[in-house]
Amino acid sequence: MARLHPPLLLLGLVLPGAALAQAGGTASFAMGGQIEAGTCAVGSVSRTMPEVTADVFSQNAAVSAGVPSSYTAFVLALTRCAGVLGAEFVMGTPADAEPTHSNVFRNKAADAAPFTSIWLKVGACTSSSTITPGAPFSRGFSTPDYELALCAQYHKHRGGLVTQGGISTDFTVTITYR
C-alpha cells in the first residue's frame, strides 16, 4: 500500500521593518531663472533757480543762448544701490522739449516769460553735455551711493525778446538699472 504524505505547506515569513524589493524609477529635474539688476533709492529734485532781469538775455531776437549767471548746480542722488553696475537715465519725454528747440526743456510757468526755456546739462556747469528731453544717456557705477551731477540754466530761444515772466519746468526721470 502506498503511503500518503501529508500535504506540504510553505509559509512566507515577513519580519516587521523588512521592505519588499520594488523596481527602481527615474525622474528628470530642470531649473532655471534670471538675475535682474538691483535697484537704488531715488529722491525727488526741486531747485529754485536765481532771479535774473530780462536784460541778461540776448537782446537780439535771432539769437539763441544760455544765461551763465543762472547756472544752478545740483545732483540726482541714488542711494542704497544693490546689484547695480550703472543706469540709463531718460529725463522727460520729447513732449517736454521746447517746440522750436528740441534740446531744451519747455517753460511751463503759468505766466511764462516769452522765448525762454531751461537748458539742462549733465556734469559741471561750465563743461557739460546737453540733456535732450526724452533721449537716454548712461552712466556706470558700482557703489552703494551715486550722485549724477547736473546743471540747469535759463535759455533764450530765437524768435523774439525776453520780457518779464516766470520760468519753470517739470518732468519725470526714468531710470533703468543694469
Protein backbone atom coordinates (compact mmCIF):
# COMPACT_ATOMS: atom_id res chain seq x y z
CA MET A 1 0.00 0.00 0.00
CA ALA A 2 1.23 3.35 -0.85
CA ARG A 3 1.90 5.63 1.85
CA LEU A 4 0.30 9.09 1.83
CA HIS A 5 2.43 12.04 2.69
CA PRO A 6 0.85 14.91 4.47
CA PRO A 7 0.45 17.96 2.23
CA LEU A 8 3.43 20.25 2.19
CA LEU A 9 2.69 23.75 3.32
CA LEU A 10 5.11 26.58 2.53
CA LEU A 11 4.79 29.73 4.52
CA GLY A 12 6.40 33.05 3.71
CA LEU A 13 7.51 34.98 6.67
CA VAL A 14 7.70 38.81 6.64
CA LEU A 15 9.52 40.25 9.52
CA PRO A 16 8.43 43.66 10.84
CA GLY A 17 10.50 46.50 9.32
CA ALA A 18 11.70 44.48 6.36
CA ALA A 19 11.00 46.05 2.94
CA LEU A 20 9.98 44.26 -0.13
CA ALA A 21 12.18 45.00 -3.14
CA GLN A 22 10.49 47.02 -5.85
CA ALA A 23 11.57 48.12 -9.29
CA GLY A 24 13.53 51.50 -9.34
CA GLY A 25 12.32 54.69 -11.07
CA THR A 26 13.89 57.82 -12.51
CA ALA A 27 12.80 61.41 -12.77
CA SER A 28 14.05 64.39 -14.74
CA PHE A 29 14.51 67.69 -12.99
CA ALA A 30 15.34 71.08 -14.57
CA MET A 31 15.54 74.51 -13.00
CA GLY A 32 16.32 77.93 -14.46
CA GLY A 33 15.92 81.59 -13.70
CA GLN A 34 17.06 85.10 -14.41
CA ILE A 35 19.04 87.52 -12.29
CA GLU A 36 17.98 91.11 -12.86
CA ALA A 37 19.83 94.26 -11.93
CA GLY A 38 19.16 95.55 -8.46
CA THR A 39 17.78 98.96 -7.66
CA CYS A 40 18.59 102.20 -5.89
CA ALA A 41 16.51 104.59 -3.84
CA VAL A 42 15.99 107.89 -5.68
CA GLY A 43 14.80 111.13 -4.20
CA SER A 44 12.90 113.91 -5.94
CA VAL A 45 14.70 117.06 -7.01
CA SER A 46 13.32 120.55 -6.56
CA ARG A 47 15.54 123.60 -7.05
CA THR A 48 14.89 127.31 -7.15
CA MET A 49 16.97 128.98 -9.81
CA PRO A 50 18.25 132.53 -9.32
CA GLU A 51 16.12 135.55 -10.10
CA VAL A 52 17.53 137.50 -13.06
CA THR A 53 16.45 140.54 -15.04
CA ALA A 54 15.36 140.41 -18.67
CA ASP A 55 18.43 142.39 -19.80
CA VAL A 56 20.81 139.45 -19.03
CA PHE A 57 19.29 137.63 -22.01
CA SER A 58 20.50 138.41 -25.52
CA GLN A 59 18.75 141.48 -26.91
CA ASN A 60 18.94 140.09 -30.44
CA ALA A 61 15.70 138.32 -31.46
CA ALA A 62 17.59 135.99 -33.83
CA VAL A 63 19.97 134.69 -31.14
CA SER A 64 19.56 131.51 -29.12
CA ALA A 65 21.75 131.41 -25.98
CA GLY A 66 22.04 130.38 -22.38
CA VAL A 67 22.44 132.72 -19.42
CA PRO A 68 25.56 131.75 -17.41
CA SER A 69 24.51 133.91 -14.45
CA SER A 70 21.59 131.49 -13.95
CA TYR A 71 23.75 128.37 -13.53
CA THR A 72 22.22 126.11 -10.90
CA ALA A 73 24.27 123.04 -10.00
CA PHE A 74 22.57 120.10 -8.29
CA VAL A 75 22.68 116.31 -8.10
CA LEU A 76 20.28 113.44 -8.62
CA ALA A 77 21.21 111.20 -5.69
CA LEU A 78 20.88 107.44 -5.94
CA THR A 79 21.32 105.71 -2.59
CA ARG A 80 21.22 102.18 -1.21
CA CYS A 81 22.16 100.72 -4.60
CA ALA A 82 22.49 96.95 -4.58
CA GLY A 83 23.34 94.72 -7.50
CA VAL A 84 23.74 97.72 -9.82
CA LEU A 85 26.56 98.29 -12.32
CA GLY A 86 25.15 101.51 -13.74
CA ALA A 87 22.00 103.02 -15.11
CA GLU A 88 20.36 104.53 -18.15
CA PHE A 89 18.65 107.86 -17.48
CA VAL A 90 15.88 109.46 -19.52
CA MET A 91 14.92 112.99 -18.48
CA GLY A 92 11.37 113.73 -19.53
CA THR A 93 9.93 112.95 -22.95
CA PRO A 94 10.11 114.73 -26.29
CA ALA A 95 6.84 116.46 -25.29
CA ASP A 96 8.79 118.26 -22.52
CA ALA A 97 11.03 119.94 -25.11
CA GLU A 98 10.58 123.48 -26.34
CA PRO A 99 8.75 123.04 -29.68
CA THR A 100 11.22 125.24 -31.57
CA HIS A 101 14.36 123.92 -29.80
CA SER A 102 14.28 120.18 -29.06
CA ASN A 103 17.40 120.23 -26.84
CA VAL A 104 15.94 122.43 -24.06
CA PHE A 105 13.04 121.96 -21.65
CA ARG A 106 9.85 123.93 -22.31
CA ASN A 107 8.93 126.77 -19.98
CA LYS A 108 5.75 125.56 -18.26
CA ALA A 109 5.20 128.57 -15.96
CA ALA A 110 1.62 129.86 -15.95
CA ASP A 111 2.92 133.41 -16.51
CA ALA A 112 5.82 132.30 -18.76
CA ALA A 113 8.43 134.82 -19.83
CA PRO A 114 8.35 134.69 -23.65
CA PHE A 115 11.12 132.94 -25.63
CA THR A 116 12.54 131.24 -22.53
CA SER A 117 13.25 127.64 -21.61
CA ILE A 118 15.56 125.70 -19.31
CA TRP A 119 18.75 124.14 -20.58
CA LEU A 120 19.73 121.03 -18.60
CA LYS A 121 23.22 119.60 -18.68
CA VAL A 122 24.92 116.55 -17.19
CA GLY A 123 28.22 117.34 -15.47
CA ALA A 124 29.71 120.62 -14.31
CA CYS A 125 28.00 123.84 -15.37
CA THR A 126 30.93 125.13 -17.42
CA SER A 127 31.92 121.85 -19.09
CA SER A 128 29.00 119.55 -19.59
CA SER A 129 26.81 117.80 -22.15
CA THR A 130 23.30 118.92 -23.03
CA ILE A 131 20.47 116.61 -21.96
CA THR A 132 17.85 116.36 -24.66
CA PRO A 133 14.33 115.73 -23.31
CA GLY A 134 13.43 112.07 -23.85
CA ALA A 135 16.92 110.99 -25.01
CA PRO A 136 18.67 108.29 -22.98
CA PHE A 137 22.20 108.54 -21.59
CA SER A 138 24.11 106.05 -19.45
CA ARG A 139 26.48 106.16 -16.52
CA GLY A 140 28.42 103.29 -14.97
CA PHE A 141 28.89 102.89 -11.22
CA SER A 142 29.07 100.06 -8.72
CA THR A 143 28.96 101.87 -5.40
CA PRO A 144 26.06 101.89 -2.92
CA ASP A 145 25.59 105.64 -3.45
CA TYR A 146 25.93 107.59 -6.71
CA GLU A 147 25.42 111.26 -7.46
CA LEU A 148 24.61 112.30 -11.02
CA ALA A 149 25.93 115.86 -11.34
CA LEU A 150 23.54 118.15 -13.22
CA CYS A 151 23.34 121.83 -14.09
CA ALA A 152 20.41 123.94 -15.21
CA GLN A 153 20.45 127.38 -16.76
CA TYR A 154 17.94 129.75 -18.31
CA HIS A 155 17.89 129.75 -22.09
CA LYS A 156 16.59 132.25 -24.65
CA HIS A 157 15.50 130.83 -27.96
CA ARG A 158 15.24 132.52 -31.35
CA GLY A 159 12.16 134.37 -32.37
CA GLY A 160 11.86 137.35 -30.07
CA LEU A 161 12.99 139.14 -26.95
CA VAL A 162 12.65 138.06 -23.34
CA THR A 163 10.41 140.15 -21.11
CA GLN A 164 9.15 139.75 -17.57
CA GLY A 165 7.53 136.47 -16.54
CA GLY A 166 8.05 133.16 -14.83
CA ILE A 167 10.27 130.32 -15.90
CA SER A 168 9.93 126.75 -14.70
CA THR A 169 9.70 123.20 -15.93
CA ASP A 170 8.94 119.78 -14.53
CA PHE A 171 9.34 116.28 -15.90
CA THR A 172 9.73 112.66 -14.87
CA VAL A 173 13.11 110.91 -14.80
CA THR A 174 13.07 107.27 -15.89
CA ILE A 175 15.96 105.14 -14.61
CA THR A 176 16.76 101.66 -15.88
CA TYR A 177 19.42 99.82 -13.88
CA ARG A 178 21.94 97.40 -15.29
